[in-house]
């Protein structure tokens, strides 16, 4: 799952947040910390669907599923099988 996490970190820093120099780890809170707001959340979901070819449901766009890179990697992994 490390490759998925690396791709997510890179894409979030560069494409979603437009902060390539930002330090971001797999366990950092994205939503609960306020780093990702509702606008960025939609961008993040669209990026995940495009890059990883998985379908996300609207009801999943919350901190229960999207709060950390680790959470996202698990979700992507379960959808990829």
PDB file of N, CA and C in Angstrom:
ATOM      1  N   UNK A   1       0.813  -1.204   0.000  1.00  0.00           N
ATOM      2  CA  UNK A   1       0.000   0.000   0.000  1.00  0.00           C
ATOM      3  C   UNK A   1       0.851   1.261   0.000  1.00  0.00           C
ATOM      4  N   UNK A   2       2.129   1.091   0.227  1.00  0.00           N
ATOM      5  CA  UNK A   2       2.998   2.248   0.297  1.00  0.00           C
ATOM      6  C   UNK A   2       2.985   3.043  -1.003  1.00  0.00           C
ATOM      7  N   UNK A   3       2.948   2.366  -2.156  1.00  0.00           N
ATOM      8  CA  UNK A   3       2.931   3.076  -3.429  1.00  0.00           C
ATOM      9  C   UNK A   3       1.693   3.952  -3.555  1.00  0.00           C
ATOM     10  N   UNK A   4       0.553   3.456  -3.145  1.00  0.00           N
ATOM     11  CA  UNK A   4      -0.681   4.235  -3.176  1.00  0.00           C
ATOM     12  C   UNK A   4      -0.528   5.465  -2.288  1.00  0.00           C
ATOM     13  N   UNK A   5       0.025   5.285  -1.110  1.00  0.00           N
ATOM     14  CA  UNK A   5       0.206   6.403  -0.183  1.00  0.00           C
ATOM     15  C   UNK A   5       1.151   7.446  -0.762  1.00  0.00           C
ATOM     16  N   UNK A   6       2.228   7.007  -1.399  1.00  0.00           N
ATOM     17  CA  UNK A   6       3.178   7.944  -2.001  1.00  0.00           C
ATOM     18  C   UNK A   6       2.525   8.759  -3.112  1.00  0.00           C
ATOM     19  N   UNK A   7       1.746   8.094  -3.950  1.00  0.00           N
ATOM     20  CA  UNK A   7       1.044   8.786  -5.029  1.00  0.00           C
ATOM     21  C   UNK A   7       0.052   9.787  -4.438  1.00  0.00           C
ATOM     22  N   UNK A   8      -0.700   9.360  -3.421  1.00  0.00           N
ATOM     23  CA  UNK A   8      -1.667  10.263  -2.785  1.00  0.00           C
ATOM     24  C   UNK A   8      -0.984  11.489  -2.191  1.00  0.00           C
ATOM     25  N   UNK A   9       0.097  11.287  -1.477  1.00  0.00           N
ATOM     26  CA  UNK A   9       0.807  12.417  -0.874  1.00  0.00           C
ATOM     27  C   UNK A   9       1.269  13.386  -1.958  1.00  0.00           C
ATOM     28  N   UNK A  10       1.857  12.868  -3.009  1.00  0.00           N
ATOM     29  CA  UNK A  10       2.335  13.712  -4.099  1.00  0.00           C
ATOM     30  C   UNK A  10       1.183  14.483  -4.751  1.00  0.00           C
ATOM     31  N   UNK A  11       0.111  13.787  -5.059  1.00  0.00           N
ATOM     32  CA  UNK A  11      -1.028  14.423  -5.727  1.00  0.00           C
ATOM     33  C   UNK A  11      -1.714  15.450  -4.825  1.00  0.00           C
ATOM     34  N   UNK A  12      -1.861  15.135  -3.551  1.00  0.00           N
ATOM     35  CA  UNK A  12      -2.505  16.075  -2.627  1.00  0.00           C
ATOM     36  C   UNK A  12      -1.665  17.335  -2.489  1.00  0.00           C
ATOM     37  N   UNK A  13      -0.359  17.178  -2.292  1.00  0.00           N
ATOM     38  CA  UNK A  13       0.516  18.349  -2.133  1.00  0.00           C
ATOM     39  C   UNK A  13       0.552  19.196  -3.403  1.00  0.00           C
ATOM     40  N   UNK A  14       0.682  18.565  -4.547  1.00  0.00           N
ATOM     41  CA  UNK A  14       0.886  19.290  -5.794  1.00  0.00           C
ATOM     42  C   UNK A  14      -0.399  19.713  -6.495  1.00  0.00           C
ATOM     43  N   UNK A  15      -1.377  18.827  -6.552  1.00  0.00           N
ATOM     44  CA  UNK A  15      -2.564  19.097  -7.360  1.00  0.00           C
ATOM     45  C   UNK A  15      -3.743  19.626  -6.559  1.00  0.00           C
ATOM     46  N   UNK A  16      -3.974  19.066  -5.377  1.00  0.00           N
ATOM     47  CA  UNK A  16      -5.144  19.464  -4.596  1.00  0.00           C
ATOM     48  C   UNK A  16      -4.855  20.737  -3.802  1.00  0.00           C
ATOM     49  N   UNK A  17      -3.753  20.735  -3.040  1.00  0.00           N
ATOM     50  CA  UNK A  17      -3.433  21.878  -2.184  1.00  0.00           C
ATOM     51  C   UNK A  17      -2.570  22.923  -2.886  1.00  0.00           C
ATOM     52  N   UNK A  18      -1.894  22.553  -3.971  1.00  0.00           N
ATOM     53  CA  UNK A  18      -0.967  23.435  -4.667  1.00  0.00           C
ATOM     54  C   UNK A  18       0.108  23.959  -3.710  1.00  0.00           C
ATOM     55  N   UNK A  19       0.622  23.036  -2.868  1.00  0.00           N
ATOM     56  CA  UNK A  19       1.683  23.341  -1.902  1.00  0.00           C
ATOM     57  C   UNK A  19       2.752  22.255  -1.983  1.00  0.00           C
ATOM     58  N   UNK A  20       3.532  22.221  -3.077  1.00  0.00           N
ATOM     59  CA  UNK A  20       4.489  21.132  -3.277  1.00  0.00           C
ATOM     60  C   UNK A  20       5.548  21.001  -2.189  1.00  0.00           C
ATOM     61  N   UNK A  21       5.868  22.069  -1.489  1.00  0.00           N
ATOM     62  CA  UNK A  21       6.881  22.003  -0.447  1.00  0.00           C
ATOM     63  C   UNK A  21       6.367  21.571   0.915  1.00  0.00           C
ATOM     64  N   UNK A  22       5.076  21.374   1.025  1.00  0.00           N
ATOM     65  CA  UNK A  22       4.454  21.028   2.302  1.00  0.00           C
ATOM     66  C   UNK A  22       4.870  19.625   2.748  1.00  0.00           C
ATOM     67  N   UNK A  23       5.150  19.475   4.020  1.00  0.00           N
ATOM     68  CA  UNK A  23       5.415  18.144   4.578  1.00  0.00           C
ATOM     69  C   UNK A  23       4.074  17.500   4.895  1.00  0.00           C
ATOM     70  N   UNK A  24       3.911  16.267   4.464  1.00  0.00           N
ATOM     71  CA  UNK A  24       2.655  15.550   4.659  1.00  0.00           C
ATOM     72  C   UNK A  24       2.990  14.076   4.835  1.00  0.00           C
ATOM     73  N   UNK A  25       2.488  13.471   5.897  1.00  0.00           N
ATOM     74  CA  UNK A  25       2.729  12.052   6.126  1.00  0.00           C
ATOM     75  C   UNK A  25       1.430  11.270   6.008  1.00  0.00           C
ATOM     76  N   UNK A  26       1.543   9.974   5.947  1.00  0.00           N
ATOM     77  CA  UNK A  26       0.380   9.104   5.774  1.00  0.00           C
ATOM     78  C   UNK A  26      -0.602   9.174   6.926  1.00  0.00           C
ATOM     79  N   UNK A  27      -0.126   9.555   8.104  1.00  0.00           N
ATOM     80  CA  UNK A  27      -1.004   9.574   9.274  1.00  0.00           C
ATOM     81  C   UNK A  27      -1.528  10.974   9.617  1.00  0.00           C
ATOM     82  N   UNK A  28      -1.121  11.985   8.857  1.00  0.00           N
ATOM     83  CA  UNK A  28      -1.614  13.348   9.120  1.00  0.00           C
ATOM     84  C   UNK A  28      -3.108  13.439   8.840  1.00  0.00           C
ATOM     85  N   UNK A  29      -3.806  14.140   9.716  1.00  0.00           N
ATOM     86  CA  UNK A  29      -5.228  14.381   9.511  1.00  0.00           C
ATOM     87  C   UNK A  29      -5.410  15.385   8.382  1.00  0.00           C
ATOM     88  N   UNK A  30      -6.285  15.067   7.456  1.00  0.00           N
ATOM     89  CA  UNK A  30      -6.564  15.964   6.347  1.00  0.00           C
ATOM     90  C   UNK A  30      -7.812  16.798   6.610  1.00  0.00           C
ATOM     91  N   UNK A  31      -8.882  16.151   7.034  1.00  0.00           N
ATOM     92  CA  UNK A  31     -10.163  16.832   7.215  1.00  0.00           C
ATOM     93  C   UNK A  31     -10.301  17.390   8.617  1.00  0.00           C
ATOM     94  N   UNK A  32     -10.092  16.562   9.617  1.00  0.00           N
ATOM     95  CA  UNK A  32     -10.282  17.010  10.998  1.00  0.00           C
ATOM     96  C   UNK A  32      -9.346  18.157  11.373  1.00  0.00           C
ATOM     97  N   UNK A  33      -8.181  18.212  10.732  1.00  0.00           N
ATOM     98  CA  UNK A  33      -7.230  19.294  11.000  1.00  0.00           C
ATOM     99  C   UNK A  33      -7.586  20.572  10.234  1.00  0.00           C
ATOM    100  N   UNK A  34      -8.468  20.451   9.250  1.00  0.00           N
ATOM    101  CA  UNK A  34      -8.837  21.601   8.437  1.00  0.00           C
ATOM    102  C   UNK A  34      -7.960  21.792   7.207  1.00  0.00           C
ATOM    103  N   UNK A  35      -6.979  20.909   6.996  1.00  0.00           N
ATOM    104  CA  UNK A  35      -6.109  21.023   5.828  1.00  0.00           C
ATOM    105  C   UNK A  35      -6.917  20.891   4.534  1.00  0.00           C
ATOM    106  N   UNK A  36      -7.830  19.943   4.517  1.00  0.00           N
ATOM    107  CA  UNK A  36      -8.710  19.735   3.371  1.00  0.00           C
ATOM    108  C   UNK A  36     -10.093  20.254   3.743  1.00  0.00           C
ATOM    109  N   UNK A  37     -10.570  21.251   2.996  1.00  0.00           N
ATOM    110  CA  UNK A  37     -11.918  21.767   3.235  1.00  0.00           C
ATOM    111  C   UNK A  37     -12.877  21.125   2.235  1.00  0.00           C
ATOM    112  N   UNK A  38     -14.128  21.546   2.242  1.00  0.00           N
ATOM    113  CA  UNK A  38     -15.129  20.902   1.387  1.00  0.00           C
ATOM    114  C   UNK A  38     -14.805  21.059  -0.098  1.00  0.00           C
ATOM    115  N   UNK A  39     -14.214  22.169  -0.490  1.00  0.00           N
ATOM    116  CA  UNK A  39     -13.843  22.352  -1.891  1.00  0.00           C
ATOM    117  C   UNK A  39     -12.707  21.414  -2.285  1.00  0.00           C
ATOM    118  N   UNK A  40     -11.689  21.337  -1.427  1.00  0.00           N
ATOM    119  CA  UNK A  40     -10.577  20.436  -1.692  1.00  0.00           C
ATOM    120  C   UNK A  40     -11.014  18.975  -1.633  1.00  0.00           C
ATOM    121  N   UNK A  41     -12.006  18.675  -0.816  1.00  0.00           N
ATOM    122  CA  UNK A  41     -12.488  17.304  -0.684  1.00  0.00           C
ATOM    123  C   UNK A  41     -13.046  16.798  -2.005  1.00  0.00           C
ATOM    124  N   UNK A  42     -13.793  17.631  -2.686  1.00  0.00           N
ATOM    125  CA  UNK A  42     -14.335  17.251  -3.995  1.00  0.00           C
ATOM    126  C   UNK A  42     -13.199  17.060  -4.992  1.00  0.00           C
ATOM    127  N   UNK A  43     -12.226  17.971  -4.988  1.00  0.00           N
ATOM    128  CA  UNK A  43     -11.065  17.828  -5.871  1.00  0.00           C
ATOM    129  C   UNK A  43     -10.315  16.535  -5.576  1.00  0.00           C
ATOM    130  N   UNK A  44     -10.150  16.235  -4.302  1.00  0.00           N
ATOM    131  CA  UNK A  44      -9.459  15.019  -3.889  1.00  0.00           C
ATOM    132  C   UNK A  44     -10.211  13.780  -4.370  1.00  0.00           C
ATOM    133  N   UNK A  45     -11.505  13.755  -4.197  1.00  0.00           N
ATOM    134  CA  UNK A  45     -12.308  12.611  -4.632  1.00  0.00           C
ATOM    135  C   UNK A  45     -12.208  12.413  -6.145  1.00  0.00           C
ATOM    136  N   UNK A  46     -12.302  13.499  -6.899  1.00  0.00           N
ATOM    137  CA  UNK A  46     -12.198  13.397  -8.358  1.00  0.00           C
ATOM    138  C   UNK A  46     -10.823  12.902  -8.787  1.00  0.00           C
ATOM    139  N   UNK A  47      -9.786  13.385  -8.111  1.00  0.00           N
ATOM    140  CA  UNK A  47      -8.431  12.947  -8.418  1.00  0.00           C
ATOM    141  C   UNK A  47      -8.274  11.455  -8.137  1.00  0.00           C
ATOM    142  N   UNK A  48      -8.800  10.988  -7.014  1.00  0.00           N
ATOM    143  CA  UNK A  48      -8.697   9.566  -6.664  1.00  0.00           C
ATOM    144  C   UNK A  48      -9.411   8.709  -7.703  1.00  0.00           C
ATOM    145  N   UNK A  49     -10.606   9.115  -8.104  1.00  0.00           N
ATOM    146  CA  UNK A  49     -11.345   8.351  -9.112  1.00  0.00           C
ATOM    147  C   UNK A  49     -10.580   8.297 -10.430  1.00  0.00           C
ATOM    148  N   UNK A  50      -9.977   9.410 -10.807  1.00  0.00           N
ATOM    149  CA  UNK A  50      -9.250   9.480 -12.075  1.00  0.00           C
ATOM    150  C   UNK A  50      -7.943   8.689 -12.038  1.00  0.00           C
ATOM    151  N   UNK A  51      -7.158   8.879 -11.010  1.00  0.00           N
ATOM    152  CA  UNK A  51      -5.837   8.256 -10.938  1.00  0.00           C
ATOM    153  C   UNK A  51      -5.916   6.763 -10.646  1.00  0.00           C
ATOM    154  N   UNK A  52      -6.799   6.379  -9.729  1.00  0.00           N
ATOM    155  CA  UNK A  52      -6.842   4.982  -9.288  1.00  0.00           C
ATOM    156  C   UNK A  52      -7.991   4.186  -9.909  1.00  0.00           C
ATOM    157  N   UNK A  53      -8.809   4.836 -10.724  1.00  0.00           N
ATOM    158  CA  UNK A  53      -9.905   4.169 -11.431  1.00  0.00           C
ATOM    159  C   UNK A  53     -10.840   3.435 -10.477  1.00  0.00           C
ATOM    160  N   UNK A  54     -11.224   4.130  -9.424  1.00  0.00           N
ATOM    161  CA  UNK A  54     -12.176   3.584  -8.462  1.00  0.00           C
ATOM    162  C   UNK A  54     -13.378   4.525  -8.380  1.00  0.00           C
ATOM    163  N   UNK A  55     -14.508   3.988  -7.994  1.00  0.00           N
ATOM    164  CA  UNK A  55     -15.725   4.772  -7.830  1.00  0.00           C
ATOM    165  C   UNK A  55     -15.929   5.055  -6.350  1.00  0.00           C
ATOM    166  N   UNK A  56     -16.102   6.314  -6.017  1.00  0.00           N
ATOM    167  CA  UNK A  56     -16.381   6.721  -4.640  1.00  0.00           C
ATOM    168  C   UNK A  56     -17.819   7.197  -4.554  1.00  0.00           C
ATOM    169  N   UNK A  57     -18.445   6.898  -3.458  1.00  0.00           N
ATOM    170  CA  UNK A  57     -19.818   7.327  -3.233  1.00  0.00           C
ATOM    171  C   UNK A  57     -19.817   8.672  -2.513  1.00  0.00           C
ATOM    172  N   UNK A  58     -20.809   9.497  -2.786  1.00  0.00           N
ATOM    173  CA  UNK A  58     -20.900  10.813  -2.142  1.00  0.00           C
ATOM    174  C   UNK A  58     -20.908  10.710  -0.623  1.00  0.00           C
ATOM    175  N   UNK A  59     -21.567   9.687  -0.088  1.00  0.00           N
ATOM    176  CA  UNK A  59     -21.661   9.550   1.371  1.00  0.00           C
ATOM    177  C   UNK A  59     -20.322   9.193   2.016  1.00  0.00           C
ATOM    178  N   UNK A  60     -19.336   8.819   1.200  1.00  0.00           N
ATOM    179  CA  UNK A  60     -18.010   8.496   1.728  1.00  0.00           C
ATOM    180  C   UNK A  60     -17.115   9.729   1.874  1.00  0.00           C
ATOM    181  N   UNK A  61     -17.546  10.845   1.366  1.00  0.00           N
ATOM    182  CA  UNK A  61     -16.720  12.053   1.385  1.00  0.00           C
ATOM    183  C   UNK A  61     -16.808  12.738   2.742  1.00  0.00           C
ATOM    184  N   UNK A  62     -16.203  12.118   3.731  1.00  0.00           N
ATOM    185  CA  UNK A  62     -16.207  12.654   5.089  1.00  0.00           C
ATOM    186  C   UNK A  62     -14.973  12.136   5.834  1.00  0.00           C
ATOM    187  N   UNK A  63     -14.799  12.607   7.041  1.00  0.00           N
ATOM    188  CA  UNK A  63     -13.608  12.266   7.823  1.00  0.00           C
ATOM    189  C   UNK A  63     -13.524  10.787   8.177  1.00  0.00           C
ATOM    190  N   UNK A  64     -14.631  10.070   8.168  1.00  0.00           N
ATOM    191  CA  UNK A  64     -14.587   8.640   8.468  1.00  0.00           C
ATOM    192  C   UNK A  64     -13.810   7.858   7.406  1.00  0.00           C
ATOM    193  N   UNK A  65     -13.833   8.317   6.179  1.00  0.00           N
ATOM    194  CA  UNK A  65     -13.171   7.615   5.083  1.00  0.00           C
ATOM    195  C   UNK A  65     -11.978   8.369   4.516  1.00  0.00           C
ATOM    196  N   UNK A  66     -11.951   9.682   4.672  1.00  0.00           N
ATOM    197  CA  UNK A  66     -10.976  10.521   3.984  1.00  0.00           C
ATOM    198  C   UNK A  66     -10.034  11.279   4.911  1.00  0.00           C
ATOM    199  N   UNK A  67      -9.961  10.944   6.195  1.00  0.00           N
ATOM    200  CA  UNK A  67      -9.206  11.811   7.091  1.00  0.00           C
ATOM    201  C   UNK A  67      -7.697  11.688   6.972  1.00  0.00           C
ATOM    202  N   UNK A  68      -7.181  10.528   6.637  1.00  0.00           N
ATOM    203  CA  UNK A  68      -5.731  10.380   6.487  1.00  0.00           C
ATOM    204  C   UNK A  68      -5.410   9.701   5.162  1.00  0.00           C
ATOM    205  N   UNK A  69      -4.166   9.814   4.769  1.00  0.00           N
ATOM    206  CA  UNK A  69      -3.689   9.115   3.571  1.00  0.00           C
ATOM    207  C   UNK A  69      -3.851   7.613   3.769  1.00  0.00           C
ATOM    208  N   UNK A  70      -3.599   7.149   4.993  1.00  0.00           N
ATOM    209  CA  UNK A  70      -3.770   5.725   5.298  1.00  0.00           C
ATOM    210  C   UNK A  70      -5.213   5.291   5.060  1.00  0.00           C
ATOM    211  N   UNK A  71      -6.181   6.092   5.520  1.00  0.00           N
ATOM    212  CA  UNK A  71      -7.600   5.789   5.302  1.00  0.00           C
ATOM    213  C   UNK A  71      -7.907   5.704   3.811  1.00  0.00           C
ATOM    214  N   UNK A  72      -7.404   6.660   3.063  1.00  0.00           N
ATOM    215  CA  UNK A  72      -7.664   6.695   1.625  1.00  0.00           C
ATOM    216  C   UNK A  72      -7.042   5.490   0.926  1.00  0.00           C
ATOM    217  N   UNK A  73      -5.831   5.126   1.324  1.00  0.00           N
ATOM    218  CA  UNK A  73      -5.159   3.979   0.713  1.00  0.00           C
ATOM    219  C   UNK A  73      -5.952   2.689   0.948  1.00  0.00           C
ATOM    220  N   UNK A  74      -6.471   2.521   2.138  1.00  0.00           N
ATOM    221  CA  UNK A  74      -7.297   1.340   2.441  1.00  0.00           C
ATOM    222  C   UNK A  74      -8.547   1.341   1.567  1.00  0.00           C
ATOM    223  N   UNK A  75      -9.203   2.472   1.463  1.00  0.00           N
ATOM    224  CA  UNK A  75     -10.420   2.584   0.645  1.00  0.00           C
ATOM    225  C   UNK A  75     -10.115   2.255  -0.820  1.00  0.00           C
ATOM    226  N   UNK A  76      -9.046   2.807  -1.322  1.00  0.00           N
ATOM    227  CA  UNK A  76      -8.657   2.545  -2.725  1.00  0.00           C
ATOM    228  C   UNK A  76      -8.326   1.069  -2.906  1.00  0.00           C
ATOM    229  N   UNK A  77      -7.583   0.513  -1.980  1.00  0.00           N
ATOM    230  CA  UNK A  77      -7.203  -0.901  -2.069  1.00  0.00           C
ATOM    231  C   UNK A  77      -8.434  -1.808  -2.092  1.00  0.00           C
ATOM    232  N   UNK A  78      -9.421  -1.528  -1.254  1.00  0.00           N
ATOM    233  CA  UNK A  78     -10.622  -2.363  -1.233  1.00  0.00           C
ATOM    234  C   UNK A  78     -11.433  -2.232  -2.519  1.00  0.00           C
ATOM    235  N   UNK A  79     -11.369  -1.089  -3.143  1.00  0.00           N
ATOM    236  CA  UNK A  79     -12.103  -0.876  -4.390  1.00  0.00           C
ATOM    237  C   UNK A  79     -11.373  -1.431  -5.603  1.00  0.00           C
ATOM    238  N   UNK A  80     -10.093  -1.635  -5.469  1.00  0.00           N
ATOM    239  CA  UNK A  80      -9.277  -2.099  -6.595  1.00  0.00           C
ATOM    240  C   UNK A  80      -9.366  -3.599  -6.787  1.00  0.00           C
ATOM    241  N   UNK A  81      -9.855  -4.318  -5.791  1.00  0.00           N
ATOM    242  CA  UNK A  81      -9.909  -5.784  -5.870  1.00  0.00           C
ATOM    243  C   UNK A  81     -11.152  -6.255  -6.562  1.00  0.00           C
TER     244      UNK A  81
END
